[in-house]
């Protein structure tokens, strides 16, 4: 139940951002259909390395 509510809120947010920044309806539809909430893999690796380094230096 709660996951369904979160998914609906996320979908509304994507539509609202698309409506605000994209001028053509087909661009809005493409953005909404292809949007994923996953960060790029290199970003995840970079953040992990920064966290490990900062933890190791803090000790």
PDB file of N, CA and C in Angstrom:
ATOM      1  N   UNK A   1       0.819  -1.193   0.000  1.00  0.00           N
ATOM      2  CA  UNK A   1       0.000   0.000   0.000  1.00  0.00           C
ATOM      3  C   UNK A   1       0.861   1.255   0.000  1.00  0.00           C
ATOM      4  N   UNK A   2       1.845   1.315   0.896  1.00  0.00           N
ATOM      5  CA  UNK A   2       2.694   2.498   0.983  1.00  0.00           C
ATOM      6  C   UNK A   2       3.577   2.634  -0.263  1.00  0.00           C
ATOM      7  N   UNK A   3       4.036   1.492  -0.823  1.00  0.00           N
ATOM      8  CA  UNK A   3       4.849   1.549  -2.033  1.00  0.00           C
ATOM      9  C   UNK A   3       4.046   2.067  -3.215  1.00  0.00           C
ATOM     10  N   UNK A   4       2.785   1.712  -3.280  1.00  0.00           N
ATOM     11  CA  UNK A   4       1.916   2.205  -4.334  1.00  0.00           C
ATOM     12  C   UNK A   4       1.765   3.724  -4.220  1.00  0.00           C
ATOM     13  N   UNK A   5       1.602   4.224  -3.011  1.00  0.00           N
ATOM     14  CA  UNK A   5       1.481   5.658  -2.780  1.00  0.00           C
ATOM     15  C   UNK A   5       2.764   6.377  -3.199  1.00  0.00           C
ATOM     16  N   UNK A   6       3.914   5.807  -2.867  1.00  0.00           N
ATOM     17  CA  UNK A   6       5.198   6.409  -3.245  1.00  0.00           C
ATOM     18  C   UNK A   6       5.352   6.421  -4.758  1.00  0.00           C
ATOM     19  N   UNK A   7       4.956   5.357  -5.424  1.00  0.00           N
ATOM     20  CA  UNK A   7       5.044   5.294  -6.884  1.00  0.00           C
ATOM     21  C   UNK A   7       4.155   6.341  -7.533  1.00  0.00           C
ATOM     22  N   UNK A   8       2.967   6.542  -7.005  1.00  0.00           N
ATOM     23  CA  UNK A   8       2.060   7.551  -7.540  1.00  0.00           C
ATOM     24  C   UNK A   8       2.646   8.951  -7.358  1.00  0.00           C
ATOM     25  N   UNK A   9       3.215   9.204  -6.183  1.00  0.00           N
ATOM     26  CA  UNK A   9       3.832  10.511  -5.926  1.00  0.00           C
ATOM     27  C   UNK A   9       5.019  10.744  -6.848  1.00  0.00           C
ATOM     28  N   UNK A  10       5.833   9.712  -7.078  1.00  0.00           N
ATOM     29  CA  UNK A  10       6.980   9.838  -7.964  1.00  0.00           C
ATOM     30  C   UNK A  10       6.528  10.111  -9.396  1.00  0.00           C
ATOM     31  N   UNK A  11       5.476   9.422  -9.831  1.00  0.00           N
ATOM     32  CA  UNK A  11       4.954   9.651 -11.178  1.00  0.00           C
ATOM     33  C   UNK A  11       4.450  11.087 -11.326  1.00  0.00           C
ATOM     34  N   UNK A  12       3.753  11.582 -10.319  1.00  0.00           N
ATOM     35  CA  UNK A  12       3.267  12.961 -10.359  1.00  0.00           C
ATOM     36  C   UNK A  12       4.417  13.953 -10.409  1.00  0.00           C
ATOM     37  N   UNK A  13       5.487  13.685  -9.658  1.00  0.00           N
ATOM     38  CA  UNK A  13       6.639  14.566  -9.658  1.00  0.00           C
ATOM     39  C   UNK A  13       7.285  14.617 -11.044  1.00  0.00           C
ATOM     40  N   UNK A  14       7.430  13.452 -11.677  1.00  0.00           N
ATOM     41  CA  UNK A  14       8.024  13.401 -13.014  1.00  0.00           C
ATOM     42  C   UNK A  14       7.165  14.172 -14.000  1.00  0.00           C
ATOM     43  N   UNK A  15       5.858  14.004 -13.924  1.00  0.00           N
ATOM     44  CA  UNK A  15       4.960  14.743 -14.825  1.00  0.00           C
ATOM     45  C   UNK A  15       5.047  16.249 -14.574  1.00  0.00           C
ATOM     46  N   UNK A  16       5.118  16.651 -13.317  1.00  0.00           N
ATOM     47  CA  UNK A  16       5.179  18.067 -12.985  1.00  0.00           C
ATOM     48  C   UNK A  16       6.485  18.686 -13.498  1.00  0.00           C
ATOM     49  N   UNK A  17       7.596  17.981 -13.336  1.00  0.00           N
ATOM     50  CA  UNK A  17       8.878  18.484 -13.842  1.00  0.00           C
ATOM     51  C   UNK A  17       8.850  18.565 -15.360  1.00  0.00           C
ATOM     52  N   UNK A  18       8.314  17.550 -16.006  1.00  0.00           N
ATOM     53  CA  UNK A  18       8.207  17.577 -17.462  1.00  0.00           C
ATOM     54  C   UNK A  18       7.336  18.718 -17.952  1.00  0.00           C
ATOM     55  N   UNK A  19       6.229  18.964 -17.290  1.00  0.00           N
ATOM     56  CA  UNK A  19       5.343  20.059 -17.682  1.00  0.00           C
ATOM     57  C   UNK A  19       6.005  21.415 -17.489  1.00  0.00           C
ATOM     58  N   UNK A  20       6.832  21.523 -16.477  1.00  0.00           N
ATOM     59  CA  UNK A  20       7.462  22.805 -16.158  1.00  0.00           C
ATOM     60  C   UNK A  20       8.601  23.152 -17.122  1.00  0.00           C
ATOM     61  N   UNK A  21       9.399  22.150 -17.511  1.00  0.00           N
ATOM     62  CA  UNK A  21      10.616  22.435 -18.258  1.00  0.00           C
ATOM     63  C   UNK A  21      10.569  22.094 -19.742  1.00  0.00           C
ATOM     64  N   UNK A  22       9.688  21.219 -20.153  1.00  0.00           N
ATOM     65  CA  UNK A  22       9.641  20.812 -21.556  1.00  0.00           C
ATOM     66  C   UNK A  22       8.454  21.480 -22.244  1.00  0.00           C
ATOM     67  N   UNK A  23       8.685  21.978 -23.450  1.00  0.00           N
ATOM     68  CA  UNK A  23       7.651  22.761 -24.129  1.00  0.00           C
ATOM     69  C   UNK A  23       6.726  21.929 -25.005  1.00  0.00           C
ATOM     70  N   UNK A  24       7.240  20.860 -25.598  1.00  0.00           N
ATOM     71  CA  UNK A  24       6.417  20.061 -26.502  1.00  0.00           C
ATOM     72  C   UNK A  24       5.853  18.835 -25.786  1.00  0.00           C
ATOM     73  N   UNK A  25       4.634  18.489 -26.129  1.00  0.00           N
ATOM     74  CA  UNK A  25       3.949  17.364 -25.474  1.00  0.00           C
ATOM     75  C   UNK A  25       4.671  16.043 -25.721  1.00  0.00           C
ATOM     76  N   UNK A  26       5.196  15.833 -26.920  1.00  0.00           N
ATOM     77  CA  UNK A  26       5.899  14.566 -27.194  1.00  0.00           C
ATOM     78  C   UNK A  26       7.173  14.457 -26.371  1.00  0.00           C
ATOM     79  N   UNK A  27       7.850  15.591 -26.105  1.00  0.00           N
ATOM     80  CA  UNK A  27       9.033  15.577 -25.244  1.00  0.00           C
ATOM     81  C   UNK A  27       8.651  15.231 -23.808  1.00  0.00           C
ATOM     82  N   UNK A  28       7.532  15.763 -23.349  1.00  0.00           N
ATOM     83  CA  UNK A  28       7.050  15.449 -22.001  1.00  0.00           C
ATOM     84  C   UNK A  28       6.733  13.968 -21.869  1.00  0.00           C
ATOM     85  N   UNK A  29       6.070  13.423 -22.877  1.00  0.00           N
ATOM     86  CA  UNK A  29       5.702  12.005 -22.855  1.00  0.00           C
ATOM     87  C   UNK A  29       6.948  11.131 -22.874  1.00  0.00           C
ATOM     88  N   UNK A  30       7.908  11.480 -23.718  1.00  0.00           N
ATOM     89  CA  UNK A  30       9.153  10.704 -23.798  1.00  0.00           C
ATOM     90  C   UNK A  30       9.884  10.746 -22.460  1.00  0.00           C
ATOM     91  N   UNK A  31       9.976  11.923 -21.860  1.00  0.00           N
ATOM     92  CA  UNK A  31      10.652  12.072 -20.564  1.00  0.00           C
ATOM     93  C   UNK A  31       9.961  11.225 -19.490  1.00  0.00           C
ATOM     94  N   UNK A  32       8.650  11.311 -19.421  1.00  0.00           N
ATOM     95  CA  UNK A  32       7.901  10.564 -18.406  1.00  0.00           C
ATOM     96  C   UNK A  32       8.015   9.058 -18.622  1.00  0.00           C
ATOM     97  N   UNK A  33       8.029   8.619 -19.865  1.00  0.00           N
ATOM     98  CA  UNK A  33       8.102   7.179 -20.152  1.00  0.00           C
ATOM     99  C   UNK A  33       9.496   6.598 -19.907  1.00  0.00           C
ATOM    100  N   UNK A  34      10.538   7.396 -20.097  1.00  0.00           N
ATOM    101  CA  UNK A  34      11.902   6.881 -20.012  1.00  0.00           C
ATOM    102  C   UNK A  34      12.636   7.270 -18.735  1.00  0.00           C
ATOM    103  N   UNK A  35      12.007   8.006 -17.866  1.00  0.00           N
ATOM    104  CA  UNK A  35      12.657   8.423 -16.627  1.00  0.00           C
ATOM    105  C   UNK A  35      12.803   7.238 -15.681  1.00  0.00           C
ATOM    106  N   UNK A  36      13.993   7.094 -15.117  1.00  0.00           N
ATOM    107  CA  UNK A  36      14.211   6.111 -14.052  1.00  0.00           C
ATOM    108  C   UNK A  36      14.833   6.846 -12.878  1.00  0.00           C
ATOM    109  N   UNK A  37      14.589   6.356 -11.727  1.00  0.00           N
ATOM    110  CA  UNK A  37      15.087   7.008 -10.525  1.00  0.00           C
ATOM    111  C   UNK A  37      16.416   6.382 -10.085  1.00  0.00           C
ATOM    112  N   UNK A  38      17.145   5.833 -11.016  1.00  0.00           N
ATOM    113  CA  UNK A  38      18.414   5.175 -10.699  1.00  0.00           C
ATOM    114  C   UNK A  38      19.575   6.100 -11.053  1.00  0.00           C
ATOM    115  N   UNK A  39      20.491   6.311 -10.115  1.00  0.00           N
ATOM    116  CA  UNK A  39      21.657   7.127 -10.439  1.00  0.00           C
ATOM    117  C   UNK A  39      22.602   6.370 -11.365  1.00  0.00           C
ATOM    118  N   UNK A  40      23.437   7.077 -12.093  1.00  0.00           N
ATOM    119  CA  UNK A  40      24.394   6.406 -12.983  1.00  0.00           C
ATOM    120  C   UNK A  40      25.361   5.523 -12.189  1.00  0.00           C
ATOM    121  N   UNK A  41      25.759   4.387 -12.736  1.00  0.00           N
ATOM    122  CA  UNK A  41      26.640   3.458 -12.006  1.00  0.00           C
ATOM    123  C   UNK A  41      27.971   4.086 -11.588  1.00  0.00           C
ATOM    124  N   UNK A  42      28.564   4.920 -12.432  1.00  0.00           N
ATOM    125  CA  UNK A  42      29.835   5.545 -12.069  1.00  0.00           C
ATOM    126  C   UNK A  42      29.673   6.477 -10.877  1.00  0.00           C
ATOM    127  N   UNK A  43      28.554   7.120 -10.775  1.00  0.00           N
ATOM    128  CA  UNK A  43      28.278   7.998  -9.642  1.00  0.00           C
ATOM    129  C   UNK A  43      28.238   7.189  -8.353  1.00  0.00           C
ATOM    130  N   UNK A  44      27.623   6.032  -8.390  1.00  0.00           N
ATOM    131  CA  UNK A  44      27.539   5.179  -7.203  1.00  0.00           C
ATOM    132  C   UNK A  44      28.934   4.735  -6.774  1.00  0.00           C
ATOM    133  N   UNK A  45      29.759   4.332  -7.728  1.00  0.00           N
ATOM    134  CA  UNK A  45      31.127   3.910  -7.412  1.00  0.00           C
ATOM    135  C   UNK A  45      31.926   5.077  -6.844  1.00  0.00           C
ATOM    136  N   UNK A  46      31.797   6.244  -7.440  1.00  0.00           N
ATOM    137  CA  UNK A  46      32.523   7.428  -6.968  1.00  0.00           C
ATOM    138  C   UNK A  46      32.120   7.793  -5.541  1.00  0.00           C
ATOM    139  N   UNK A  47      30.839   7.819  -5.262  1.00  0.00           N
ATOM    140  CA  UNK A  47      30.362   8.150  -3.914  1.00  0.00           C
ATOM    141  C   UNK A  47      30.840   7.111  -2.905  1.00  0.00           C
ATOM    142  N   UNK A  48      30.836   5.841  -3.290  1.00  0.00           N
ATOM    143  CA  UNK A  48      31.307   4.786  -2.395  1.00  0.00           C
ATOM    144  C   UNK A  48      32.780   4.985  -2.065  1.00  0.00           C
ATOM    145  N   UNK A  49      33.588   5.298  -3.072  1.00  0.00           N
ATOM    146  CA  UNK A  49      35.008   5.529  -2.834  1.00  0.00           C
ATOM    147  C   UNK A  49      35.241   6.752  -1.944  1.00  0.00           C
ATOM    148  N   UNK A  50      34.478   7.798  -2.137  1.00  0.00           N
ATOM    149  CA  UNK A  50      34.596   8.994  -1.295  1.00  0.00           C
ATOM    150  C   UNK A  50      34.227   8.665   0.148  1.00  0.00           C
ATOM    151  N   UNK A  51      33.169   7.915   0.354  1.00  0.00           N
ATOM    152  CA  UNK A  51      32.758   7.540   1.704  1.00  0.00           C
ATOM    153  C   UNK A  51      33.800   6.655   2.394  1.00  0.00           C
ATOM    154  N   UNK A  52      34.334   5.683   1.684  1.00  0.00           N
ATOM    155  CA  UNK A  52      35.344   4.793   2.260  1.00  0.00           C
ATOM    156  C   UNK A  52      36.604   5.588   2.595  1.00  0.00           C
ATOM    157  N   UNK A  53      37.012   6.459   1.696  1.00  0.00           N
ATOM    158  CA  UNK A  53      38.215   7.277   1.926  1.00  0.00           C
ATOM    159  C   UNK A  53      38.016   8.206   3.117  1.00  0.00           C
ATOM    160  N   UNK A  54      36.871   8.860   3.182  1.00  0.00           N
ATOM    161  CA  UNK A  54      36.646   9.788   4.293  1.00  0.00           C
ATOM    162  C   UNK A  54      36.546   9.054   5.624  1.00  0.00           C
ATOM    163  N   UNK A  55      35.990   7.861   5.621  1.00  0.00           N
ATOM    164  CA  UNK A  55      35.908   7.068   6.850  1.00  0.00           C
ATOM    165  C   UNK A  55      37.304   6.599   7.275  1.00  0.00           C
ATOM    166  N   UNK A  56      38.111   6.162   6.314  1.00  0.00           N
ATOM    167  CA  UNK A  56      39.459   5.688   6.617  1.00  0.00           C
ATOM    168  C   UNK A  56      40.338   6.829   7.130  1.00  0.00           C
ATOM    169  N   UNK A  57      40.183   8.020   6.576  1.00  0.00           N
ATOM    170  CA  UNK A  57      40.986   9.170   7.006  1.00  0.00           C
ATOM    171  C   UNK A  57      40.530   9.695   8.366  1.00  0.00           C
ATOM    172  N   UNK A  58      39.277   9.509   8.698  1.00  0.00           N
ATOM    173  CA  UNK A  58      38.743  10.017   9.963  1.00  0.00           C
ATOM    174  C   UNK A  58      39.202   9.185  11.151  1.00  0.00           C
ATOM    175  N   UNK A  59      39.593   7.955  10.910  1.00  0.00           N
ATOM    176  CA  UNK A  59      39.984   7.069  12.017  1.00  0.00           C
ATOM    177  C   UNK A  59      41.391   7.246  12.390  1.00  0.00           C
TER     178      UNK A  59
END
